[in-house]
């Protein structure tokens, strides 16, 4: 198609593409990488609860907030999710023993 055509390719010009590393060009055409080897829908309820608590703890830690069971529960509820009540307490106890910076 002509360059001035409204149907022209949306790809950058060849010289601009040359400046982009070949791996980045290939990855831009590929599907985005998966977060895990198993879709969340295939995890058990216990595994989903543990994953939610892990993400909540990481978010609180990255934000500089204290990682507490109540903070994790509030964050999980704000995300529209629920976990068994013992998970945030269990995760908090483990974090207090092991730490987040390990």
N, C-alpha and C. Protein backbone atom coordinates (compact mmCIF):
# COMPACT_ATOMS: atom_id res chain seq x y z
N UNK A 1 0.83 -1.19 0.00
CA UNK A 1 0.00 0.00 0.00
C UNK A 1 0.87 1.24 0.00
N UNK A 2 0.33 2.28 -0.51
CA UNK A 2 1.08 3.53 -0.56
C UNK A 2 1.27 4.07 0.84
N UNK A 3 2.38 4.78 1.04
CA UNK A 3 2.69 5.29 2.37
C UNK A 3 1.65 6.28 2.85
N UNK A 4 1.08 7.06 1.96
CA UNK A 4 0.09 8.05 2.36
C UNK A 4 -1.29 7.47 2.55
N UNK A 5 -1.47 6.22 2.20
CA UNK A 5 -2.78 5.60 2.30
C UNK A 5 -3.22 5.50 3.75
N UNK A 6 -4.53 5.63 3.97
CA UNK A 6 -5.02 5.51 5.34
C UNK A 6 -4.97 4.08 5.82
N UNK A 7 -4.69 3.13 4.93
CA UNK A 7 -4.57 1.72 5.30
C UNK A 7 -3.11 1.30 5.41
N UNK A 8 -2.20 2.25 5.45
CA UNK A 8 -0.77 1.94 5.52
C UNK A 8 -0.47 1.15 6.78
N UNK A 9 0.60 0.41 6.74
CA UNK A 9 1.00 -0.43 7.87
C UNK A 9 1.23 0.43 9.11
N UNK A 10 0.91 -0.12 10.26
CA UNK A 10 1.11 0.58 11.54
C UNK A 10 2.49 0.27 12.11
N UNK A 11 3.30 -0.48 11.40
CA UNK A 11 4.66 -0.80 11.85
C UNK A 11 5.54 0.42 11.67
N UNK A 12 6.55 0.56 12.52
CA UNK A 12 7.48 1.67 12.34
C UNK A 12 8.27 1.49 11.05
N UNK A 13 8.81 2.57 10.49
CA UNK A 13 9.62 2.45 9.29
C UNK A 13 10.81 1.51 9.53
N UNK A 14 11.36 0.99 8.44
CA UNK A 14 12.44 0.00 8.54
C UNK A 14 13.60 0.52 9.38
N UNK A 15 13.99 1.79 9.20
CA UNK A 15 15.14 2.29 9.96
C UNK A 15 14.83 2.37 11.45
N UNK A 16 13.58 2.65 11.82
CA UNK A 16 13.20 2.67 13.23
C UNK A 16 13.17 1.25 13.78
N UNK A 17 12.70 0.29 12.97
CA UNK A 17 12.69 -1.11 13.41
C UNK A 17 14.10 -1.62 13.61
N UNK A 18 15.05 -1.12 12.82
CA UNK A 18 16.43 -1.57 12.94
C UNK A 18 17.02 -1.18 14.29
N UNK A 19 16.52 -0.11 14.88
CA UNK A 19 17.03 0.35 16.17
C UNK A 19 16.49 -0.48 17.33
N UNK A 20 15.41 -1.23 17.07
CA UNK A 20 14.81 -2.06 18.10
C UNK A 20 15.50 -3.42 18.08
N UNK A 21 15.98 -3.90 19.22
CA UNK A 21 16.63 -5.22 19.24
C UNK A 21 15.70 -6.28 18.65
N UNK A 22 16.30 -7.24 17.94
CA UNK A 22 15.53 -8.28 17.26
C UNK A 22 14.63 -9.05 18.24
N UNK A 23 15.11 -9.34 19.45
CA UNK A 23 14.31 -10.07 20.44
C UNK A 23 13.06 -9.29 20.82
N UNK A 24 13.20 -7.98 20.94
CA UNK A 24 12.05 -7.14 21.29
C UNK A 24 11.04 -7.11 20.15
N UNK A 25 11.54 -7.10 18.90
CA UNK A 25 10.63 -7.12 17.76
C UNK A 25 9.83 -8.42 17.75
N UNK A 26 10.50 -9.53 17.99
CA UNK A 26 9.82 -10.82 17.98
C UNK A 26 8.82 -10.92 19.12
N UNK A 27 9.21 -10.43 20.31
CA UNK A 27 8.31 -10.54 21.45
C UNK A 27 7.10 -9.64 21.30
N UNK A 28 7.22 -8.56 20.53
CA UNK A 28 6.07 -7.69 20.37
C UNK A 28 5.00 -8.35 19.50
N UNK A 29 5.37 -9.35 18.73
CA UNK A 29 4.41 -10.06 17.91
C UNK A 29 3.86 -11.29 18.62
N UNK A 30 4.55 -11.77 19.61
CA UNK A 30 4.14 -12.98 20.32
C UNK A 30 3.10 -12.64 21.38
N UNK A 31 2.42 -13.67 21.84
CA UNK A 31 1.45 -13.49 22.93
C UNK A 31 2.19 -13.08 24.19
N UNK A 32 1.55 -12.31 25.06
CA UNK A 32 2.22 -11.91 26.30
C UNK A 32 2.55 -13.15 27.13
N UNK A 33 3.65 -13.09 27.88
CA UNK A 33 4.03 -14.25 28.69
C UNK A 33 3.01 -14.50 29.79
N UNK A 34 2.87 -15.75 30.15
CA UNK A 34 1.95 -16.13 31.22
C UNK A 34 2.59 -15.81 32.57
N UNK A 35 1.76 -15.54 33.56
CA UNK A 35 2.26 -15.26 34.91
C UNK A 35 2.72 -16.53 35.60
N UNK A 36 2.14 -17.67 35.20
CA UNK A 36 2.47 -18.94 35.84
C UNK A 36 2.27 -20.06 34.82
N UNK A 37 2.72 -21.22 35.18
CA UNK A 37 2.56 -22.37 34.30
C UNK A 37 1.14 -22.92 34.32
N UNK A 38 0.37 -22.57 35.33
CA UNK A 38 -0.99 -23.08 35.50
C UNK A 38 -1.95 -21.90 35.60
N UNK A 39 -3.04 -21.91 34.81
CA UNK A 39 -4.02 -20.83 34.95
C UNK A 39 -4.64 -20.84 36.35
N UNK A 40 -4.98 -19.67 36.84
CA UNK A 40 -5.55 -19.55 38.19
C UNK A 40 -6.81 -20.40 38.32
N UNK A 41 -7.57 -20.50 37.25
CA UNK A 41 -8.81 -21.28 37.30
C UNK A 41 -8.56 -22.76 37.58
N UNK A 42 -7.36 -23.23 37.34
CA UNK A 42 -7.03 -24.63 37.59
C UNK A 42 -6.42 -24.87 38.97
N UNK A 43 -6.21 -23.80 39.75
CA UNK A 43 -5.68 -23.94 41.09
C UNK A 43 -6.79 -24.33 42.06
N UNK A 44 -6.42 -25.06 43.11
CA UNK A 44 -7.39 -25.38 44.15
C UNK A 44 -7.72 -24.11 44.93
N UNK A 45 -8.79 -24.15 45.71
CA UNK A 45 -9.17 -22.99 46.53
C UNK A 45 -8.04 -22.62 47.48
N UNK A 46 -7.38 -23.63 48.07
CA UNK A 46 -6.27 -23.37 48.99
C UNK A 46 -5.11 -22.69 48.28
N UNK A 47 -4.82 -23.13 47.06
CA UNK A 47 -3.74 -22.52 46.30
C UNK A 47 -4.09 -21.09 45.91
N UNK A 48 -5.34 -20.85 45.55
CA UNK A 48 -5.78 -19.49 45.21
C UNK A 48 -5.69 -18.58 46.43
N UNK A 49 -6.10 -19.09 47.59
CA UNK A 49 -6.01 -18.30 48.83
C UNK A 49 -4.57 -17.95 49.15
N UNK A 50 -3.69 -18.91 49.02
CA UNK A 50 -2.27 -18.66 49.28
C UNK A 50 -1.71 -17.63 48.30
N UNK A 51 -2.10 -17.74 47.04
CA UNK A 51 -1.64 -16.79 46.03
C UNK A 51 -2.15 -15.38 46.33
N UNK A 52 -3.41 -15.27 46.69
CA UNK A 52 -3.97 -13.96 47.05
C UNK A 52 -3.23 -13.34 48.23
N UNK A 53 -2.95 -14.15 49.24
CA UNK A 53 -2.23 -13.64 50.41
C UNK A 53 -0.80 -13.25 50.05
N UNK A 54 -0.17 -14.02 49.19
CA UNK A 54 1.18 -13.69 48.75
C UNK A 54 1.20 -12.36 48.03
N UNK A 55 0.27 -12.17 47.09
CA UNK A 55 0.22 -10.90 46.36
C UNK A 55 -0.10 -9.75 47.30
N UNK A 56 -1.03 -9.96 48.23
CA UNK A 56 -1.38 -8.90 49.19
C UNK A 56 -0.17 -8.51 50.03
N UNK A 57 0.58 -9.51 50.50
CA UNK A 57 1.78 -9.23 51.31
C UNK A 57 2.82 -8.46 50.48
N UNK A 58 3.01 -8.87 49.24
CA UNK A 58 3.97 -8.17 48.38
C UNK A 58 3.55 -6.73 48.13
N UNK A 59 2.27 -6.51 47.90
CA UNK A 59 1.78 -5.15 47.66
C UNK A 59 1.99 -4.28 48.90
N UNK A 60 1.62 -4.80 50.06
CA UNK A 60 1.81 -4.03 51.30
C UNK A 60 3.28 -3.73 51.53
N UNK A 61 4.13 -4.72 51.34
CA UNK A 61 5.57 -4.55 51.55
C UNK A 61 6.14 -3.52 50.57
N UNK A 62 5.78 -3.65 49.30
CA UNK A 62 6.28 -2.71 48.29
C UNK A 62 5.81 -1.28 48.55
N UNK A 63 4.65 -1.16 49.19
CA UNK A 63 4.11 0.16 49.49
C UNK A 63 4.71 0.74 50.77
N UNK A 64 5.49 -0.06 51.48
CA UNK A 64 6.11 0.40 52.72
C UNK A 64 5.20 0.28 53.93
N UNK A 65 4.07 -0.38 53.77
CA UNK A 65 3.13 -0.56 54.88
C UNK A 65 3.51 -1.80 55.69
N UNK A 66 3.04 -1.85 56.92
CA UNK A 66 3.24 -3.04 57.73
C UNK A 66 2.44 -4.18 57.13
N UNK A 67 3.04 -5.35 57.04
CA UNK A 67 2.34 -6.53 56.53
C UNK A 67 1.64 -7.19 57.71
N UNK A 68 0.35 -6.91 57.83
CA UNK A 68 -0.46 -7.46 58.92
C UNK A 68 -1.60 -8.28 58.33
N UNK A 69 -2.15 -9.15 59.15
CA UNK A 69 -3.28 -9.97 58.71
C UNK A 69 -4.47 -9.07 58.32
N UNK A 70 -4.71 -8.02 59.10
CA UNK A 70 -5.82 -7.12 58.80
C UNK A 70 -5.57 -6.35 57.50
N UNK A 71 -4.34 -5.90 57.31
CA UNK A 71 -4.00 -5.19 56.07
C UNK A 71 -4.17 -6.09 54.85
N UNK A 72 -3.75 -7.34 54.98
CA UNK A 72 -3.90 -8.28 53.88
C UNK A 72 -5.38 -8.54 53.60
N UNK A 73 -6.16 -8.74 54.66
CA UNK A 73 -7.59 -9.00 54.51
C UNK A 73 -8.28 -7.82 53.84
N UNK A 74 -7.94 -6.61 54.28
CA UNK A 74 -8.55 -5.41 53.67
C UNK A 74 -8.21 -5.30 52.19
N UNK A 75 -6.97 -5.57 51.85
CA UNK A 75 -6.55 -5.48 50.45
C UNK A 75 -7.23 -6.56 49.61
N UNK A 76 -7.33 -7.76 50.13
CA UNK A 76 -7.98 -8.85 49.41
C UNK A 76 -9.46 -8.54 49.20
N UNK A 77 -10.12 -8.01 50.23
CA UNK A 77 -11.53 -7.64 50.10
C UNK A 77 -11.71 -6.50 49.10
N UNK A 78 -10.79 -5.54 49.12
CA UNK A 78 -10.86 -4.41 48.18
C UNK A 78 -10.72 -4.89 46.73
N UNK A 79 -10.03 -6.01 46.55
CA UNK A 79 -9.87 -6.58 45.21
C UNK A 79 -11.09 -7.40 44.80
N UNK A 80 -12.05 -7.53 45.72
CA UNK A 80 -13.25 -8.28 45.42
C UNK A 80 -13.09 -9.78 45.60
N UNK A 81 -12.11 -10.17 46.39
CA UNK A 81 -11.83 -11.59 46.62
C UNK A 81 -12.03 -11.93 48.09
N UNK A 82 -12.03 -13.21 48.37
CA UNK A 82 -12.11 -13.68 49.75
C UNK A 82 -11.15 -14.84 49.93
N UNK A 83 -10.68 -14.99 51.15
CA UNK A 83 -9.84 -16.13 51.51
C UNK A 83 -10.33 -16.66 52.86
N UNK A 84 -9.98 -17.90 53.15
CA UNK A 84 -10.29 -18.45 54.47
C UNK A 84 -9.59 -17.57 55.51
N UNK A 85 -10.24 -17.34 56.64
CA UNK A 85 -9.76 -16.39 57.65
C UNK A 85 -8.37 -16.72 58.17
N UNK A 86 -7.98 -17.98 58.17
CA UNK A 86 -6.69 -18.35 58.73
C UNK A 86 -5.51 -18.00 57.82
N UNK A 87 -5.75 -17.81 56.52
CA UNK A 87 -4.63 -17.57 55.60
C UNK A 87 -3.85 -16.30 55.90
N UNK A 88 -4.49 -15.14 56.05
CA UNK A 88 -3.70 -13.93 56.34
C UNK A 88 -2.91 -14.05 57.65
N UNK A 89 -3.51 -14.68 58.67
CA UNK A 89 -2.79 -14.84 59.95
C UNK A 89 -1.60 -15.78 59.77
N UNK A 90 -1.80 -16.87 59.03
CA UNK A 90 -0.73 -17.82 58.79
C UNK A 90 0.41 -17.18 57.99
N UNK A 91 0.04 -16.43 56.96
CA UNK A 91 1.05 -15.78 56.11
C UNK A 91 1.81 -14.73 56.91
N UNK A 92 1.11 -13.96 57.74
CA UNK A 92 1.75 -12.93 58.55
C UNK A 92 2.73 -13.55 59.54
N UNK A 93 2.33 -14.65 60.15
CA UNK A 93 3.23 -15.33 61.10
C UNK A 93 4.49 -15.82 60.37
N UNK A 94 4.32 -16.38 59.19
CA UNK A 94 5.48 -16.86 58.42
C UNK A 94 6.38 -15.69 58.03
N UNK A 95 5.79 -14.59 57.62
CA UNK A 95 6.59 -13.41 57.22
C UNK A 95 7.34 -12.86 58.41
N UNK A 96 6.72 -12.83 59.59
CA UNK A 96 7.41 -12.35 60.79
C UNK A 96 8.59 -13.24 61.15
N UNK A 97 8.48 -14.53 60.89
CA UNK A 97 9.58 -15.47 61.19
C UNK A 97 10.68 -15.44 60.13
N UNK A 98 10.29 -15.38 58.86
CA UNK A 98 11.25 -15.48 57.76
C UNK A 98 11.67 -14.10 57.25
N UNK A 99 10.74 -13.17 57.20
CA UNK A 99 11.00 -11.84 56.67
C UNK A 99 10.62 -11.73 55.21
N UNK A 100 10.52 -10.52 54.73
CA UNK A 100 10.15 -10.26 53.34
C UNK A 100 11.37 -10.04 52.46
N UNK A 101 12.50 -9.75 53.04
CA UNK A 101 13.68 -9.41 52.24
C UNK A 101 14.55 -10.62 51.95
N UNK A 102 14.09 -11.82 52.32
CA UNK A 102 14.90 -13.03 52.11
C UNK A 102 14.98 -13.41 50.65
